[in-house]
Amino acid sequence: MGRLTPGDRPGKPGSDSYWIKSSLSFSNGNCVEVASLPDGEIGVRDSKDSEGPVLRFTPGEWHAFLGGVRNGEFNTFGKI
């Protein structure tokens, strides 16, 4: 699945992408940002480290992930 690419920094591929984060994110900055990258892949990064590593997913991988979220496949994660 997704590939981690630490080279997506200003001046490199992906730096011109429009990154968004959820309107439900907390003000403490514990969020991820998502962008459509110029090569057609989907990028995911830590909102606190905009120059840090980027997870890259193909559109198929990204849509499979979203489908799993919608189907509740990840609802048990993070429960104490």
N, C-alpha and C. Protein backbone atom coordinates (compact mmCIF):
# COMPACT_ATOMS: atom_id res chain seq x y z
N MET A 1 0.83 -1.18 0.00
CA MET A 1 0.00 0.00 0.00
C MET A 1 0.87 1.24 0.00
N GLY A 2 0.52 2.32 0.62
CA GLY A 2 1.18 3.60 0.47
C GLY A 2 2.69 3.55 0.62
N ARG A 3 3.36 4.40 -0.11
CA ARG A 3 4.81 4.52 -0.05
C ARG A 3 5.18 5.79 0.69
N LEU A 4 6.14 5.68 1.58
CA LEU A 4 6.61 6.83 2.34
C LEU A 4 7.72 7.50 1.55
N THR A 5 7.54 8.77 1.23
CA THR A 5 8.55 9.50 0.46
C THR A 5 8.98 10.74 1.22
N PRO A 6 10.17 10.69 1.84
CA PRO A 6 10.62 11.83 2.62
C PRO A 6 11.05 13.01 1.76
N GLY A 7 11.15 12.85 0.45
CA GLY A 7 11.65 13.92 -0.40
C GLY A 7 10.62 14.94 -0.83
N ASP A 8 9.37 14.82 -0.44
CA ASP A 8 8.36 15.80 -0.84
C ASP A 8 8.47 17.04 0.02
N ARG A 9 9.35 17.90 -0.35
CA ARG A 9 9.61 19.15 0.37
C ARG A 9 9.48 20.30 -0.63
N PRO A 10 9.42 21.53 -0.16
CA PRO A 10 9.30 22.65 -1.09
C PRO A 10 10.33 22.57 -2.21
N GLY A 11 9.87 22.81 -3.42
CA GLY A 11 10.75 22.75 -4.58
C GLY A 11 10.83 21.38 -5.21
N LYS A 12 10.23 20.38 -4.60
CA LYS A 12 10.25 19.02 -5.13
C LYS A 12 8.83 18.64 -5.53
N PRO A 13 8.66 17.53 -6.26
CA PRO A 13 7.30 17.12 -6.67
C PRO A 13 6.36 17.03 -5.49
N GLY A 14 5.17 17.54 -5.65
CA GLY A 14 4.17 17.52 -4.60
C GLY A 14 4.11 18.79 -3.78
N SER A 15 5.12 19.65 -3.88
CA SER A 15 5.13 20.85 -3.05
C SER A 15 4.11 21.88 -3.51
N ASP A 16 3.67 21.80 -4.77
CA ASP A 16 2.68 22.74 -5.28
C ASP A 16 1.26 22.26 -5.06
N SER A 17 1.09 21.13 -4.40
CA SER A 17 -0.23 20.56 -4.18
C SER A 17 -0.99 21.37 -3.13
N TYR A 18 -2.30 21.33 -3.22
CA TYR A 18 -3.16 22.00 -2.26
C TYR A 18 -3.52 20.99 -1.17
N TRP A 19 -2.97 21.17 0.00
CA TRP A 19 -3.18 20.26 1.12
C TRP A 19 -4.37 20.72 1.95
N ILE A 20 -5.23 19.77 2.32
CA ILE A 20 -6.39 20.08 3.14
C ILE A 20 -6.41 19.19 4.38
N LYS A 21 -7.04 19.68 5.44
CA LYS A 21 -7.27 18.85 6.61
C LYS A 21 -8.72 18.98 7.00
N SER A 22 -9.19 18.04 7.76
CA SER A 22 -10.59 17.99 8.14
C SER A 22 -11.00 19.24 8.91
N SER A 23 -12.21 19.69 8.65
CA SER A 23 -12.76 20.80 9.42
C SER A 23 -13.05 20.37 10.86
N LEU A 24 -13.01 19.07 11.12
CA LEU A 24 -13.24 18.55 12.47
C LEU A 24 -11.94 18.39 13.25
N SER A 25 -10.82 18.79 12.67
CA SER A 25 -9.53 18.62 13.35
C SER A 25 -9.45 19.53 14.56
N PHE A 26 -8.66 19.12 15.52
CA PHE A 26 -8.53 19.88 16.76
C PHE A 26 -7.50 20.98 16.60
N SER A 27 -7.62 22.01 17.40
CA SER A 27 -6.71 23.14 17.32
C SER A 27 -5.30 22.81 17.81
N ASN A 28 -5.12 21.65 18.45
CA ASN A 28 -3.79 21.28 18.95
C ASN A 28 -2.88 20.77 17.84
N GLY A 29 -3.40 20.66 16.63
CA GLY A 29 -2.58 20.30 15.48
C GLY A 29 -2.38 18.82 15.27
N ASN A 30 -3.06 17.97 16.02
CA ASN A 30 -2.93 16.52 15.84
C ASN A 30 -3.81 16.07 14.68
N CYS A 31 -3.35 16.37 13.47
CA CYS A 31 -4.16 16.11 12.28
C CYS A 31 -3.28 15.58 11.16
N VAL A 32 -3.94 15.08 10.14
CA VAL A 32 -3.27 14.76 8.90
C VAL A 32 -3.82 15.66 7.82
N GLU A 33 -3.04 15.85 6.78
CA GLU A 33 -3.48 16.62 5.61
C GLU A 33 -3.43 15.70 4.40
N VAL A 34 -4.32 15.94 3.45
CA VAL A 34 -4.44 15.12 2.25
C VAL A 34 -4.39 16.02 1.03
N ALA A 35 -3.75 15.52 -0.05
CA ALA A 35 -3.68 16.30 -1.30
C ALA A 35 -3.67 15.36 -2.49
N SER A 36 -4.21 15.84 -3.58
CA SER A 36 -4.03 15.18 -4.88
C SER A 36 -2.68 15.65 -5.41
N LEU A 37 -1.79 14.72 -5.67
CA LEU A 37 -0.45 15.06 -6.13
C LEU A 37 -0.42 15.14 -7.65
N PRO A 38 0.53 15.88 -8.21
CA PRO A 38 0.60 16.07 -9.66
C PRO A 38 0.71 14.77 -10.46
N ASP A 39 1.27 13.72 -9.86
CA ASP A 39 1.42 12.45 -10.59
C ASP A 39 0.17 11.58 -10.51
N GLY A 40 -0.92 12.11 -9.93
CA GLY A 40 -2.18 11.37 -9.85
C GLY A 40 -2.35 10.59 -8.56
N GLU A 41 -1.31 10.54 -7.73
CA GLU A 41 -1.43 9.83 -6.47
C GLU A 41 -2.04 10.75 -5.41
N ILE A 42 -2.39 10.14 -4.26
CA ILE A 42 -2.94 10.87 -3.13
C ILE A 42 -1.85 10.92 -2.06
N GLY A 43 -1.59 12.11 -1.53
CA GLY A 43 -0.58 12.27 -0.49
C GLY A 43 -1.23 12.51 0.87
N VAL A 44 -0.63 11.94 1.91
CA VAL A 44 -1.08 12.12 3.28
C VAL A 44 0.15 12.48 4.11
N ARG A 45 0.03 13.53 4.92
CA ARG A 45 1.16 13.95 5.74
C ARG A 45 0.67 14.46 7.09
N ASP A 46 1.59 14.60 8.03
CA ASP A 46 1.33 15.15 9.36
C ASP A 46 1.20 16.66 9.23
N SER A 47 0.12 17.23 9.70
CA SER A 47 -0.09 18.67 9.56
C SER A 47 0.93 19.49 10.35
N LYS A 48 1.54 18.90 11.37
CA LYS A 48 2.54 19.63 12.16
C LYS A 48 3.90 19.65 11.47
N ASP A 49 4.09 18.82 10.45
CA ASP A 49 5.39 18.70 9.78
C ASP A 49 5.18 18.77 8.27
N SER A 50 4.82 19.94 7.79
CA SER A 50 4.46 20.10 6.37
C SER A 50 5.64 19.84 5.44
N GLU A 51 6.86 19.84 5.96
CA GLU A 51 8.02 19.55 5.13
C GLU A 51 8.54 18.13 5.36
N GLY A 52 7.81 17.35 6.15
CA GLY A 52 8.23 15.99 6.48
C GLY A 52 7.78 14.97 5.46
N PRO A 53 7.86 13.70 5.83
CA PRO A 53 7.52 12.61 4.92
C PRO A 53 6.06 12.63 4.49
N VAL A 54 5.82 12.08 3.31
CA VAL A 54 4.48 12.00 2.73
C VAL A 54 4.19 10.54 2.41
N LEU A 55 3.06 10.03 2.88
CA LEU A 55 2.58 8.72 2.44
C LEU A 55 1.88 8.93 1.11
N ARG A 56 2.21 8.10 0.13
CA ARG A 56 1.63 8.24 -1.22
C ARG A 56 0.80 7.00 -1.53
N PHE A 57 -0.41 7.20 -2.03
CA PHE A 57 -1.31 6.11 -2.37
C PHE A 57 -1.80 6.28 -3.80
N THR A 58 -2.02 5.16 -4.47
CA THR A 58 -2.65 5.22 -5.78
C THR A 58 -4.12 5.56 -5.57
N PRO A 59 -4.81 6.04 -6.59
CA PRO A 59 -6.25 6.30 -6.42
C PRO A 59 -7.01 5.05 -5.97
N GLY A 60 -6.65 3.89 -6.49
CA GLY A 60 -7.33 2.65 -6.09
C GLY A 60 -7.13 2.34 -4.62
N GLU A 61 -5.91 2.49 -4.13
CA GLU A 61 -5.62 2.27 -2.71
C GLU A 61 -6.39 3.25 -1.85
N TRP A 62 -6.41 4.51 -2.26
CA TRP A 62 -7.10 5.55 -1.49
C TRP A 62 -8.60 5.26 -1.42
N HIS A 63 -9.20 4.89 -2.53
CA HIS A 63 -10.65 4.62 -2.54
C HIS A 63 -10.99 3.36 -1.74
N ALA A 64 -10.08 2.38 -1.74
CA ALA A 64 -10.29 1.19 -0.91
C ALA A 64 -10.26 1.57 0.57
N PHE A 65 -9.32 2.44 0.94
CA PHE A 65 -9.24 2.92 2.33
C PHE A 65 -10.52 3.66 2.72
N LEU A 66 -10.95 4.59 1.88
CA LEU A 66 -12.18 5.35 2.18
C LEU A 66 -13.38 4.43 2.30
N GLY A 67 -13.45 3.41 1.45
CA GLY A 67 -14.53 2.44 1.54
C GLY A 67 -14.52 1.71 2.88
N GLY A 68 -13.32 1.35 3.34
CA GLY A 68 -13.19 0.70 4.64
C GLY A 68 -13.63 1.60 5.78
N VAL A 69 -13.29 2.89 5.67
CA VAL A 69 -13.73 3.85 6.69
C VAL A 69 -15.25 3.94 6.71
N ARG A 70 -15.82 4.08 5.53
CA ARG A 70 -17.29 4.19 5.44
C ARG A 70 -18.00 2.94 5.96
N ASN A 71 -17.37 1.77 5.78
CA ASN A 71 -17.97 0.52 6.21
C ASN A 71 -17.70 0.20 7.68
N GLY A 72 -16.97 1.08 8.37
CA GLY A 72 -16.70 0.88 9.79
C GLY A 72 -15.60 -0.12 10.09
N GLU A 73 -14.76 -0.46 9.09
CA GLU A 73 -13.73 -1.47 9.28
C GLU A 73 -12.66 -1.05 10.29
N PHE A 74 -12.54 0.22 10.60
CA PHE A 74 -11.50 0.71 11.49
C PHE A 74 -12.06 1.21 12.83
N ASN A 75 -13.34 0.98 13.07
CA ASN A 75 -13.99 1.53 14.26
C ASN A 75 -13.42 0.98 15.57
N THR A 76 -12.77 -0.18 15.55
CA THR A 76 -12.25 -0.75 16.79
C THR A 76 -10.88 -0.20 17.15
N PHE A 77 -10.21 0.49 16.23
CA PHE A 77 -8.89 1.04 16.52
C PHE A 77 -9.00 2.24 17.45
N GLY A 78 -8.07 2.36 18.38
CA GLY A 78 -8.02 3.52 19.26
C GLY A 78 -8.94 3.44 20.46
N LYS A 79 -9.63 2.31 20.61
CA LYS A 79 -10.51 2.17 21.77
C LYS A 79 -9.70 1.60 22.94
N ILE A 80 -10.02 2.12 24.11
CA ILE A 80 -9.32 1.67 25.32
C ILE A 80 -10.13 0.61 26.01
